[in-house]
N, C-alpha and C. Protein backbone atom coordinates (compact mmCIF):
# COMPACT_ATOMS: atom_id res chain seq x y z
N MET A 1 95.13 100.86 88.68
CA MET A 1 96.35 101.17 88.08
C MET A 1 97.08 99.90 87.79
N VAL A 2 97.69 99.79 86.53
CA VAL A 2 98.54 98.73 86.18
C VAL A 2 99.79 99.02 86.54
N VAL A 3 100.28 98.49 87.81
CA VAL A 3 101.57 98.89 88.35
C VAL A 3 102.70 98.36 87.42
N PRO A 4 102.77 97.13 86.98
CA PRO A 4 103.95 96.65 86.33
C PRO A 4 104.19 97.45 84.84
N PHE A 5 103.17 98.11 84.57
CA PHE A 5 103.38 98.81 83.18
C PHE A 5 103.51 100.21 83.32
N ILE A 6 103.80 100.66 84.43
CA ILE A 6 103.84 102.15 84.61
C ILE A 6 105.17 102.76 83.91
N SER A 7 106.12 101.99 84.12
CA SER A 7 107.55 102.17 83.45
C SER A 7 107.43 102.30 81.86
N LEU A 8 106.73 101.23 81.51
CA LEU A 8 106.59 101.15 79.94
C LEU A 8 105.65 102.34 79.47
N TYR A 9 104.67 102.69 80.25
CA TYR A 9 103.77 103.78 79.79
C TYR A 9 104.49 105.11 79.87
N VAL A 10 105.40 105.29 80.85
CA VAL A 10 106.26 106.60 80.89
C VAL A 10 107.27 106.59 79.97
N GLU A 11 107.77 105.47 79.54
CA GLU A 11 108.92 105.44 78.49
C GLU A 11 108.11 105.63 77.08
N SER A 12 106.75 105.45 76.93
CA SER A 12 106.18 105.77 75.78
C SER A 12 105.99 107.20 75.37
N PHE A 13 106.30 107.94 76.46
CA PHE A 13 106.01 109.44 76.25
C PHE A 13 107.19 110.21 75.68
N GLY A 14 108.32 109.39 75.45
CA GLY A 14 109.23 110.16 74.80
C GLY A 14 110.63 109.29 74.85
N ASN A 15 111.77 109.68 74.28
CA ASN A 15 112.94 108.90 74.47
C ASN A 15 113.73 109.42 75.69
N PHE A 16 113.29 108.76 76.87
CA PHE A 16 114.11 109.17 78.12
C PHE A 16 115.09 108.09 78.45
N SER A 17 116.13 108.63 79.32
CA SER A 17 117.01 107.66 79.94
C SER A 17 116.47 106.74 80.89
N ASP A 18 116.95 105.70 81.10
CA ASP A 18 116.40 104.68 82.15
C ASP A 18 116.24 105.19 83.48
N SER A 19 117.20 106.03 83.99
CA SER A 19 116.99 106.76 85.25
C SER A 19 115.97 107.59 85.46
N TYR A 20 115.62 108.30 84.38
CA TYR A 20 114.46 109.23 84.25
C TYR A 20 113.00 108.34 84.39
N VAL A 21 113.01 107.38 83.57
CA VAL A 21 111.77 106.34 83.54
C VAL A 21 111.63 105.81 84.94
N GLN A 22 112.67 105.27 85.55
CA GLN A 22 112.52 104.53 86.82
C GLN A 22 112.12 105.55 87.93
N SER A 23 112.71 106.81 87.85
CA SER A 23 112.32 107.71 88.94
C SER A 23 110.97 108.18 88.86
N TRP A 24 110.61 108.50 87.55
CA TRP A 24 109.06 108.88 87.44
C TRP A 24 108.07 107.83 87.72
N SER A 25 108.52 106.52 87.39
CA SER A 25 107.62 105.51 87.74
C SER A 25 107.53 105.29 89.13
N GLY A 26 108.62 105.45 89.76
CA GLY A 26 108.51 105.40 91.35
C GLY A 26 107.57 106.50 91.94
N TRP A 27 107.70 107.62 91.56
CA TRP A 27 106.88 108.88 91.90
C TRP A 27 105.50 108.77 91.71
N ILE A 28 105.24 108.20 90.53
CA ILE A 28 103.88 107.93 90.01
C ILE A 28 103.26 106.77 90.97
N PHE A 29 103.83 105.90 91.20
CA PHE A 29 103.48 104.76 92.14
C PHE A 29 103.28 105.21 93.49
N ALA A 30 104.24 105.99 93.86
CA ALA A 30 104.09 106.49 95.32
C ALA A 30 103.12 107.56 95.67
N ILE A 31 102.97 108.44 94.79
CA ILE A 31 101.91 109.43 95.00
C ILE A 31 100.47 108.88 95.25
N THR A 32 100.26 107.80 94.66
CA THR A 32 98.85 107.20 94.87
C THR A 32 98.76 106.98 96.23
N PHE A 33 99.60 106.26 96.89
CA PHE A 33 99.57 105.76 98.44
C PHE A 33 99.74 107.01 99.34
N VAL A 34 100.57 107.92 98.96
CA VAL A 34 100.80 109.00 99.81
C VAL A 34 99.55 109.85 99.82
N ALA A 35 98.63 109.98 98.73
CA ALA A 35 97.44 110.67 98.74
C ALA A 35 96.37 110.03 99.56
N ALA A 36 96.30 108.60 99.41
CA ALA A 36 95.55 107.74 100.15
C ALA A 36 95.89 107.89 101.65
N PHE A 37 96.98 107.88 101.97
CA PHE A 37 97.42 108.05 103.53
C PHE A 37 96.86 109.40 103.95
N LEU A 38 97.00 110.42 103.12
CA LEU A 38 96.64 111.77 103.66
C LEU A 38 95.11 111.91 103.70
N PHE A 39 94.49 111.46 102.81
CA PHE A 39 92.83 111.62 102.66
C PHE A 39 92.02 110.63 103.33
N SER A 40 92.47 109.56 103.56
CA SER A 40 91.51 108.49 104.15
C SER A 40 91.00 108.95 105.40
N PRO A 41 91.71 109.43 106.33
CA PRO A 41 91.04 109.95 107.70
C PRO A 41 89.86 111.01 107.28
N ILE A 42 90.04 111.80 106.34
CA ILE A 42 89.19 112.90 106.02
C ILE A 42 87.82 112.25 105.45
N TRP A 43 88.11 111.37 104.45
CA TRP A 43 86.93 110.72 103.88
C TRP A 43 86.13 109.82 104.85
N GLY A 44 86.96 109.27 105.76
CA GLY A 44 86.26 108.34 106.86
C GLY A 44 85.35 109.19 107.66
N ARG A 45 85.78 110.42 108.16
CA ARG A 45 84.99 111.24 108.92
C ARG A 45 83.74 111.78 108.04
N ILE A 46 83.86 112.08 106.68
CA ILE A 46 82.80 112.56 105.92
C ILE A 46 81.78 111.49 105.82
N GLY A 47 82.27 110.41 105.60
CA GLY A 47 81.44 109.03 105.45
C GLY A 47 80.58 108.83 106.74
N ASP A 48 81.23 108.99 107.78
CA ASP A 48 80.41 108.86 109.05
C ASP A 48 79.37 109.83 109.31
N ARG A 49 79.64 111.13 108.74
CA ARG A 49 78.69 112.11 109.03
C ARG A 49 77.54 112.20 107.87
N HIS A 50 77.92 111.80 106.71
CA HIS A 50 76.93 111.99 105.74
C HIS A 50 76.42 110.68 104.92
N GLY A 51 76.92 109.59 105.52
CA GLY A 51 76.56 108.28 104.85
C GLY A 51 77.54 107.70 103.95
N ARG A 52 77.89 106.39 104.15
CA ARG A 52 78.97 105.87 103.45
C ARG A 52 78.43 105.33 102.06
N LYS A 53 77.18 105.17 101.77
CA LYS A 53 76.75 104.54 100.47
C LYS A 53 76.84 105.66 99.66
N LYS A 54 76.64 106.84 99.89
CA LYS A 54 76.79 108.00 98.92
C LYS A 54 78.21 108.09 98.57
N LEU A 55 78.99 108.11 99.46
CA LEU A 55 80.39 108.18 99.18
C LEU A 55 80.81 107.08 98.29
N LEU A 56 80.42 105.75 98.58
CA LEU A 56 80.70 104.64 97.79
C LEU A 56 80.49 104.82 96.41
N VAL A 57 79.47 105.44 96.05
CA VAL A 57 79.09 105.69 94.68
C VAL A 57 79.92 106.83 94.06
N PHE A 58 80.19 107.76 94.77
CA PHE A 58 81.15 109.00 94.39
C PHE A 58 82.44 108.41 94.03
N PHE A 59 82.97 107.60 95.04
CA PHE A 59 84.28 106.96 94.78
C PHE A 59 84.51 106.07 93.70
N ALA A 60 83.43 105.16 93.51
CA ALA A 60 83.49 104.14 92.34
C ALA A 60 83.51 104.97 91.10
N VAL A 61 82.81 106.03 90.88
CA VAL A 61 82.66 106.66 89.67
C VAL A 61 84.03 107.55 89.55
N GLY A 62 84.55 108.02 90.63
CA GLY A 62 85.91 108.69 90.60
C GLY A 62 86.90 107.91 90.39
N MET A 63 87.01 106.69 90.79
CA MET A 63 88.16 105.83 90.47
C MET A 63 87.96 105.31 89.15
N GLY A 64 86.84 105.21 88.58
CA GLY A 64 86.55 104.56 87.29
C GLY A 64 87.15 105.87 86.28
N LEU A 65 86.74 106.87 86.61
CA LEU A 65 87.08 108.12 85.78
C LEU A 65 88.63 108.36 85.77
N SER A 66 89.23 108.09 86.95
CA SER A 66 90.79 108.41 87.05
C SER A 66 91.38 107.14 86.37
N ILE A 67 90.99 106.21 86.40
CA ILE A 67 91.78 104.95 85.69
C ILE A 67 91.45 105.29 84.10
N PHE A 68 90.30 105.61 83.79
CA PHE A 68 90.02 105.92 82.26
C PHE A 68 90.86 107.03 81.86
N LEU A 69 91.04 108.11 82.74
CA LEU A 69 91.82 109.27 82.11
C LEU A 69 93.40 108.87 82.03
N MET A 70 93.74 108.04 82.76
CA MET A 70 95.24 107.66 82.75
C MET A 70 95.45 107.04 81.27
N GLY A 71 94.66 106.44 80.53
CA GLY A 71 94.86 106.09 79.12
C GLY A 71 95.06 107.25 78.23
N PHE A 72 94.66 108.39 78.68
CA PHE A 72 94.57 109.70 77.86
C PHE A 72 95.70 110.58 78.18
N ALA A 73 96.42 110.29 79.20
CA ALA A 73 97.66 111.12 79.58
C ALA A 73 98.69 111.29 78.37
N GLU A 74 99.18 112.42 78.23
CA GLU A 74 100.10 112.83 77.06
C GLU A 74 101.60 112.96 77.51
N ASN A 75 101.75 113.21 78.86
CA ASN A 75 102.89 113.43 79.36
C ASN A 75 103.10 112.90 80.82
N VAL A 76 104.28 113.01 81.43
CA VAL A 76 104.42 112.48 82.81
C VAL A 76 103.67 113.18 83.81
N TRP A 77 103.62 114.46 83.73
CA TRP A 77 103.07 115.31 84.72
C TRP A 77 101.47 115.04 84.80
N GLN A 78 100.93 114.82 83.67
CA GLN A 78 99.57 114.49 83.68
C GLN A 78 99.09 113.13 84.37
N LEU A 79 100.10 112.17 83.99
CA LEU A 79 99.95 110.93 84.68
C LEU A 79 100.18 110.95 86.10
N PHE A 80 101.08 111.76 86.50
CA PHE A 80 101.33 111.87 88.09
C PHE A 80 100.05 112.59 88.73
N PHE A 81 99.57 113.52 88.15
CA PHE A 81 98.27 114.16 88.83
C PHE A 81 97.07 113.31 88.83
N ILE A 82 97.00 112.56 87.79
CA ILE A 82 95.90 111.60 87.59
C ILE A 82 96.01 110.38 88.71
N ALA A 83 97.28 110.15 88.83
CA ALA A 83 97.62 108.93 89.98
C ALA A 83 97.36 109.66 91.34
N TYR A 84 97.58 110.94 91.48
CA TYR A 84 97.13 111.56 92.71
C TYR A 84 95.82 111.70 93.09
N ASP A 85 95.09 111.86 91.79
CA ASP A 85 93.46 111.83 91.95
C ASP A 85 93.04 110.43 92.30
N HIS A 86 93.59 109.43 91.71
CA HIS A 86 93.38 108.06 92.13
C HIS A 86 93.69 107.80 93.48
N GLY A 87 94.70 108.39 94.02
CA GLY A 87 95.06 108.14 95.43
C GLY A 87 94.16 108.78 96.38
N TYR A 88 93.73 109.92 96.05
CA TYR A 88 92.72 110.51 97.18
C TYR A 88 91.41 109.86 97.16
N LEU A 89 91.12 109.21 96.05
CA LEU A 89 89.90 108.35 95.89
C LEU A 89 89.87 106.88 96.29
N TYR A 90 91.21 106.71 96.85
CA TYR A 90 91.58 105.25 97.23
C TYR A 90 90.69 104.83 98.34
N TRP A 91 89.92 105.51 99.04
CA TRP A 91 89.36 105.24 100.42
C TRP A 91 88.24 104.13 100.07
N VAL A 92 87.89 103.99 98.75
CA VAL A 92 86.75 102.99 98.44
C VAL A 92 87.13 101.77 98.70
N TYR A 93 88.50 101.29 98.61
CA TYR A 93 89.00 99.86 98.98
C TYR A 93 88.83 99.33 100.34
N PRO A 94 89.41 100.18 101.17
CA PRO A 94 89.15 99.78 102.77
C PRO A 94 87.50 99.93 103.03
N TYR A 95 86.91 100.74 102.48
CA TYR A 95 85.33 100.72 102.73
C TYR A 95 84.61 99.52 102.26
N VAL A 96 84.92 99.17 101.03
CA VAL A 96 84.29 97.98 100.68
C VAL A 96 84.75 96.79 101.46
N ALA A 97 85.81 96.61 101.77
CA ALA A 97 86.17 95.51 102.67
C ALA A 97 85.58 95.53 104.03
N SER A 98 85.53 96.73 104.62
CA SER A 98 84.85 96.87 105.87
C SER A 98 83.11 96.49 105.81
N VAL A 99 82.45 96.94 104.66
CA VAL A 99 81.15 96.55 104.29
C VAL A 99 81.11 94.98 104.23
N ASP A 100 81.99 94.50 103.39
CA ASP A 100 81.98 92.95 103.38
C ASP A 100 82.04 92.25 104.68
N CYS A 101 82.91 92.68 105.51
CA CYS A 101 83.15 92.12 106.78
C CYS A 101 81.93 92.43 107.85
N TYR A 102 81.44 93.51 107.76
CA TYR A 102 80.18 93.75 108.43
C TYR A 102 78.93 92.85 108.08
N ALA A 103 78.93 92.93 106.68
CA ALA A 103 77.79 91.82 106.46
C ALA A 103 77.89 90.43 106.60
N ASN A 104 79.16 89.88 106.48
CA ASN A 104 79.44 88.64 106.95
C ASN A 104 79.39 88.43 108.36
N CYS A 105 79.60 89.32 109.17
CA CYS A 105 79.61 89.27 110.74
C CYS A 105 78.10 89.14 111.13
N GLU A 106 77.24 89.97 110.44
CA GLU A 106 75.97 89.89 110.96
C GLU A 106 75.29 88.39 110.44
N GLU A 107 75.71 88.02 109.35
CA GLU A 107 75.34 86.58 109.02
C GLU A 107 75.64 85.53 109.99
N ARG A 108 76.89 85.66 110.40
CA ARG A 108 77.37 84.66 111.26
C ARG A 108 76.93 84.70 112.63
N SER A 109 76.20 85.89 112.99
CA SER A 109 75.78 85.92 114.40
C SER A 109 74.34 85.39 114.45
N ARG A 110 73.61 85.22 113.32
CA ARG A 110 72.26 84.80 113.47
C ARG A 110 72.26 83.38 113.72
C-alpha cells in the first residue's frame, strides 16, 4: 500500500472536506494493521500445521491481488475493505523475515 498517497486517493473519490479525507485515510491505514494483529496468530498456527511454503504462495498471490484491486476501488468503503483484506494477508512479511533469518543462521553455523 502506498501510504503517503492514501489521502490523495480518498480525495479523488469526490469533493470531500479535509476532515473527512483525513479521518478516512486514518481508518484505511489503521484497518490494515488491526487485521494483521488479529489474524497473524491464526495464520501462524495454520502454517505450523500445514506447511509454511503453501501459505507463502497463497499470501503472495493474495497480497498482489489486494494491492491490484486497490487501484480499482470506486469509493471509500471499497478501499477500506480491500485494505482489510490486505491486512489479514499481512502475515507474509514476518514469515519472509523469519525464513531469511533461518536460512542465514544455518549458513553461519556451518
